[in-house]
Every structure is written in C-alpha cells, then in structure tokens.
N, C-alpha and C. Protein backbone atom coordinates (compact mmCIF):
# COMPACT_ATOMS: atom_id res chain seq x y z
N MET A 1 97.24 134.18 -13.53
CA MET A 1 95.86 133.89 -13.16
C MET A 1 95.00 134.08 -14.40
N THR A 2 94.10 133.19 -14.66
CA THR A 2 93.18 133.30 -15.78
C THR A 2 91.77 133.42 -15.23
N ILE A 3 91.07 134.44 -15.68
CA ILE A 3 89.69 134.65 -15.26
C ILE A 3 88.88 134.78 -16.54
N GLY A 4 87.98 133.86 -16.75
CA GLY A 4 87.26 133.84 -18.02
C GLY A 4 88.27 133.60 -19.14
N LYS A 5 88.19 134.41 -20.18
CA LYS A 5 89.12 134.27 -21.29
C LYS A 5 90.28 135.25 -21.18
N GLU A 6 90.25 136.12 -20.18
CA GLU A 6 91.32 137.11 -20.02
C GLU A 6 92.41 136.56 -19.13
N LYS A 7 93.63 136.99 -19.41
CA LYS A 7 94.76 136.58 -18.58
C LYS A 7 95.30 137.80 -17.86
N TYR A 8 95.63 137.60 -16.59
CA TYR A 8 96.19 138.66 -15.77
C TYR A 8 97.55 138.20 -15.27
N PRO A 9 98.57 139.03 -15.44
CA PRO A 9 99.90 138.63 -14.96
C PRO A 9 99.91 138.42 -13.45
N ARG A 10 100.65 137.41 -13.03
CA ARG A 10 100.84 137.15 -11.60
C ARG A 10 102.27 137.49 -11.24
N GLY A 11 102.44 137.93 -10.02
CA GLY A 11 103.76 138.20 -9.51
C GLY A 11 104.39 136.94 -8.96
N PRO A 12 105.61 137.07 -8.45
CA PRO A 12 106.26 135.91 -7.83
C PRO A 12 105.53 135.49 -6.55
N ALA A 13 105.86 134.33 -6.03
CA ALA A 13 105.25 133.85 -4.78
C ALA A 13 105.38 134.92 -3.71
N GLY A 14 104.30 135.16 -2.98
CA GLY A 14 104.29 136.16 -1.91
C GLY A 14 103.98 137.56 -2.38
N ALA A 15 103.71 137.73 -3.69
CA ALA A 15 103.44 139.07 -4.22
C ALA A 15 102.02 139.21 -4.75
N ASN A 16 101.17 138.21 -4.50
CA ASN A 16 99.81 138.19 -5.02
C ASN A 16 98.81 138.25 -3.87
N LEU A 17 97.87 139.19 -3.97
CA LEU A 17 96.95 139.44 -2.87
C LEU A 17 95.51 139.08 -3.22
N PHE A 18 94.77 138.68 -2.18
CA PHE A 18 93.33 138.49 -2.26
C PHE A 18 92.70 139.59 -1.43
N ILE A 19 91.71 140.29 -1.98
CA ILE A 19 91.05 141.40 -1.28
C ILE A 19 89.57 141.09 -1.19
N SER A 20 89.00 141.16 0.00
CA SER A 20 87.56 141.01 0.16
C SER A 20 87.04 142.23 0.92
N GLY A 21 85.73 142.37 0.92
CA GLY A 21 85.11 143.53 1.57
C GLY A 21 84.94 144.71 0.64
N LEU A 22 85.06 144.47 -0.67
CA LEU A 22 84.86 145.54 -1.64
C LEU A 22 83.37 145.83 -1.79
N GLY A 23 83.06 147.01 -2.29
CA GLY A 23 81.67 147.40 -2.48
C GLY A 23 81.36 147.70 -3.92
N PRO A 24 80.11 148.00 -4.22
CA PRO A 24 79.69 148.23 -5.61
C PRO A 24 80.38 149.42 -6.27
N GLU A 25 80.89 150.33 -5.50
CA GLU A 25 81.56 151.50 -6.07
C GLU A 25 83.03 151.25 -6.38
N ASP A 26 83.56 150.12 -5.96
CA ASP A 26 84.99 149.82 -6.14
C ASP A 26 85.24 149.24 -7.53
N THR A 27 85.97 149.97 -8.35
CA THR A 27 86.28 149.54 -9.71
C THR A 27 87.73 149.08 -9.80
N ASN A 28 88.06 148.40 -10.89
CA ASN A 28 89.45 148.01 -11.12
C ASN A 28 90.38 149.21 -11.03
N HIS A 29 89.97 150.30 -11.68
CA HIS A 29 90.82 151.50 -11.70
C HIS A 29 91.06 152.05 -10.29
N GLU A 30 90.00 152.15 -9.49
CA GLU A 30 90.14 152.70 -8.13
C GLU A 30 91.00 151.80 -7.25
N ILE A 31 90.80 150.50 -7.34
CA ILE A 31 91.58 149.57 -6.52
C ILE A 31 93.04 149.58 -6.97
N LYS A 32 93.28 149.59 -8.27
CA LYS A 32 94.66 149.64 -8.77
C LYS A 32 95.34 150.92 -8.31
N THR A 33 94.63 152.03 -8.37
CA THR A 33 95.21 153.31 -7.93
C THR A 33 95.57 153.24 -6.45
N LEU A 34 94.68 152.71 -5.62
CA LEU A 34 94.94 152.59 -4.18
C LEU A 34 96.15 151.69 -3.91
N PHE A 35 96.19 150.52 -4.53
CA PHE A 35 97.26 149.57 -4.26
C PHE A 35 98.58 150.01 -4.90
N SER A 36 98.53 150.85 -5.92
CA SER A 36 99.75 151.35 -6.56
C SER A 36 100.57 152.25 -5.62
N LEU A 37 99.94 152.72 -4.56
CA LEU A 37 100.66 153.53 -3.58
C LEU A 37 101.76 152.72 -2.89
N TYR A 38 101.68 151.39 -2.98
CA TYR A 38 102.60 150.52 -2.24
C TYR A 38 103.56 149.74 -3.13
N GLY A 39 103.49 149.96 -4.44
CA GLY A 39 104.43 149.30 -5.34
C GLY A 39 103.89 149.18 -6.74
N ASN A 40 104.66 148.52 -7.59
CA ASN A 40 104.31 148.33 -8.99
C ASN A 40 103.28 147.21 -9.14
N VAL A 41 102.05 147.57 -9.51
CA VAL A 41 100.97 146.61 -9.67
C VAL A 41 101.05 146.01 -11.08
N LEU A 42 101.19 144.70 -11.14
CA LEU A 42 101.21 144.00 -12.43
C LEU A 42 99.81 143.79 -12.97
N SER A 43 98.87 143.51 -12.07
CA SER A 43 97.48 143.32 -12.48
C SER A 43 96.55 143.55 -11.30
N CYS A 44 95.32 143.89 -11.66
CA CYS A 44 94.28 144.11 -10.66
C CYS A 44 92.96 143.72 -11.30
N VAL A 45 92.18 142.93 -10.58
CA VAL A 45 90.86 142.56 -11.08
C VAL A 45 89.88 142.54 -9.91
N VAL A 46 88.73 143.18 -10.11
CA VAL A 46 87.65 143.21 -9.12
C VAL A 46 86.53 142.33 -9.68
N LEU A 47 86.05 141.40 -8.86
CA LEU A 47 85.00 140.48 -9.29
C LEU A 47 83.74 140.69 -8.46
N LYS A 48 82.63 140.88 -9.16
CA LYS A 48 81.31 141.02 -8.53
C LYS A 48 81.27 142.12 -7.48
N GLN A 49 82.17 143.09 -7.55
CA GLN A 49 82.25 144.19 -6.59
C GLN A 49 82.22 143.69 -5.15
N LYS A 50 82.78 142.49 -4.92
CA LYS A 50 82.86 141.94 -3.57
C LYS A 50 84.28 141.58 -3.20
N TYR A 51 85.03 141.09 -4.17
CA TYR A 51 86.40 140.67 -3.90
C TYR A 51 87.25 140.89 -5.14
N GLY A 52 88.57 140.79 -4.96
CA GLY A 52 89.46 141.01 -6.09
C GLY A 52 90.85 140.46 -5.81
N PHE A 53 91.69 140.64 -6.80
CA PHE A 53 93.07 140.18 -6.73
C PHE A 53 93.99 141.29 -7.22
N VAL A 54 95.12 141.45 -6.55
CA VAL A 54 96.15 142.40 -6.97
C VAL A 54 97.47 141.64 -6.96
N SER A 55 98.24 141.81 -8.03
CA SER A 55 99.57 141.19 -8.10
C SER A 55 100.63 142.28 -8.24
N TYR A 56 101.64 142.18 -7.42
CA TYR A 56 102.79 143.09 -7.47
C TYR A 56 103.97 142.37 -8.12
N ASP A 57 105.00 143.15 -8.42
CA ASP A 57 106.19 142.55 -9.00
C ASP A 57 107.18 142.05 -7.95
N ASN A 58 106.85 142.26 -6.65
CA ASN A 58 107.74 141.77 -5.59
C ASN A 58 106.96 141.59 -4.29
N PRO A 59 107.40 140.67 -3.42
CA PRO A 59 106.71 140.40 -2.16
C PRO A 59 106.72 141.56 -1.17
N GLU A 60 107.75 142.38 -1.18
CA GLU A 60 107.81 143.50 -0.23
C GLU A 60 106.65 144.47 -0.43
N SER A 61 106.31 144.76 -1.68
CA SER A 61 105.17 145.64 -1.96
C SER A 61 103.88 145.03 -1.42
N ALA A 62 103.72 143.73 -1.60
CA ALA A 62 102.52 143.05 -1.10
C ALA A 62 102.44 143.16 0.42
N ARG A 63 103.56 142.93 1.10
CA ARG A 63 103.57 143.03 2.57
C ARG A 63 103.23 144.45 3.01
N ASN A 64 103.76 145.46 2.31
CA ASN A 64 103.46 146.85 2.65
C ASN A 64 101.98 147.17 2.47
N ALA A 65 101.38 146.66 1.39
CA ALA A 65 99.96 146.89 1.14
C ALA A 65 99.10 146.22 2.21
N ILE A 66 99.45 145.00 2.58
CA ILE A 66 98.70 144.30 3.64
C ILE A 66 98.77 145.12 4.92
N SER A 67 99.95 145.56 5.27
CA SER A 67 100.16 146.31 6.50
C SER A 67 99.33 147.60 6.52
N ALA A 68 99.26 148.27 5.38
CA ALA A 68 98.57 149.56 5.32
C ALA A 68 97.07 149.44 5.09
N LEU A 69 96.63 148.45 4.35
CA LEU A 69 95.24 148.43 3.89
C LEU A 69 94.34 147.39 4.55
N ASP A 70 94.90 146.35 5.17
CA ASP A 70 94.06 145.35 5.82
C ASP A 70 93.30 146.01 6.96
N GLY A 71 91.98 145.93 6.91
CA GLY A 71 91.14 146.53 7.95
C GLY A 71 90.69 147.95 7.63
N LEU A 72 91.10 148.49 6.48
CA LEU A 72 90.71 149.85 6.10
C LEU A 72 89.19 149.93 5.97
N ALA A 73 88.59 150.91 6.61
CA ALA A 73 87.13 151.08 6.56
C ALA A 73 86.72 151.75 5.26
N SER A 74 85.56 151.35 4.75
CA SER A 74 84.99 152.00 3.57
C SER A 74 84.62 153.43 3.93
N PRO A 75 84.49 154.30 2.92
CA PRO A 75 84.14 155.70 3.22
C PRO A 75 82.86 155.86 4.04
N ASP A 76 81.88 154.96 3.83
CA ASP A 76 80.63 155.07 4.59
C ASP A 76 80.67 154.30 5.91
N GLY A 77 81.78 153.60 6.17
CA GLY A 77 81.94 152.90 7.43
C GLY A 77 81.17 151.60 7.57
N THR A 78 80.59 151.11 6.47
CA THR A 78 79.76 149.91 6.56
C THR A 78 80.53 148.60 6.40
N ARG A 79 81.76 148.67 5.95
CA ARG A 79 82.55 147.44 5.78
C ARG A 79 84.04 147.76 5.87
N ARG A 80 84.84 146.71 5.99
CA ARG A 80 86.29 146.85 6.06
C ARG A 80 86.93 145.93 5.03
N LEU A 81 88.03 146.41 4.45
CA LEU A 81 88.79 145.58 3.53
C LEU A 81 89.53 144.49 4.30
N THR A 82 89.60 143.34 3.72
CA THR A 82 90.46 142.27 4.21
C THR A 82 91.47 142.02 3.10
N VAL A 83 92.75 142.21 3.40
CA VAL A 83 93.81 142.06 2.42
C VAL A 83 94.77 140.99 2.93
N THR A 84 94.88 139.90 2.18
CA THR A 84 95.75 138.78 2.57
C THR A 84 96.53 138.29 1.36
N LEU A 85 97.56 137.51 1.63
CA LEU A 85 98.27 136.86 0.53
C LEU A 85 97.34 135.85 -0.12
N LYS A 86 97.36 135.81 -1.44
CA LYS A 86 96.58 134.83 -2.18
C LYS A 86 97.21 133.46 -1.94
N LYS A 87 96.38 132.47 -1.73
CA LYS A 87 96.89 131.11 -1.55
C LYS A 87 97.46 130.64 -2.89
N GLU A 88 98.69 130.20 -2.85
CA GLU A 88 99.35 129.71 -4.07
C GLU A 88 98.93 128.27 -4.31
N PRO A 89 98.74 127.90 -5.58
CA PRO A 89 98.37 126.52 -5.87
C PRO A 89 99.48 125.55 -5.46
N ALA A 90 99.08 124.38 -5.01
CA ALA A 90 100.07 123.36 -4.63
C ALA A 90 100.81 122.92 -5.88
N GLN A 91 102.09 122.68 -5.72
CA GLN A 91 102.89 122.27 -6.88
C GLN A 91 103.16 120.81 -6.87
C-alpha cells in the first residue's frame, strides 16, 4: 500500500485490515500495540485519526483481530471500532 510518498508493507490476501471509528487520541503506535496482541503486524497507519490500515503476515492473525476487536468501545464509550478485511484490488 502506498500512502503519499511512504510505502507500507502489505500482507498476503486476507491479512490486511481496514479500521474505522478511531478517535483523535489514537496514534499509529497505540493501534499497532493493540493489534500486535493478535499477531505479527507488518504495517500500521492511522489517517486523519478516523480510520486506518493494519497488515499482518498471515490471514489467521487478521481473523483473530477482527473477532476480538470489531465493535470494541472507545474508553469514553462514544464510538466503536469497526474492523474488517481490506478490500483487495481487482486483478
């Protein structure tokens, strides 16, 4: 995945996640730390403190993260994370 001029490694098909429902306090480091609980994170990027992308090195880690984190409430209870597989580009 390329964002601006920076490149972020992508995992194999089924190992790349789209995350929405992030807040202004959510940084790359915090999101990477949270998602690292479920596997080896290849890359993590938070954009506009609203959404982000996480790539794992395998699909099983991505499935585990979705299972555990989709719907997780923010500490203040004002929003919930939505964690889904990133749509892969058509080949």
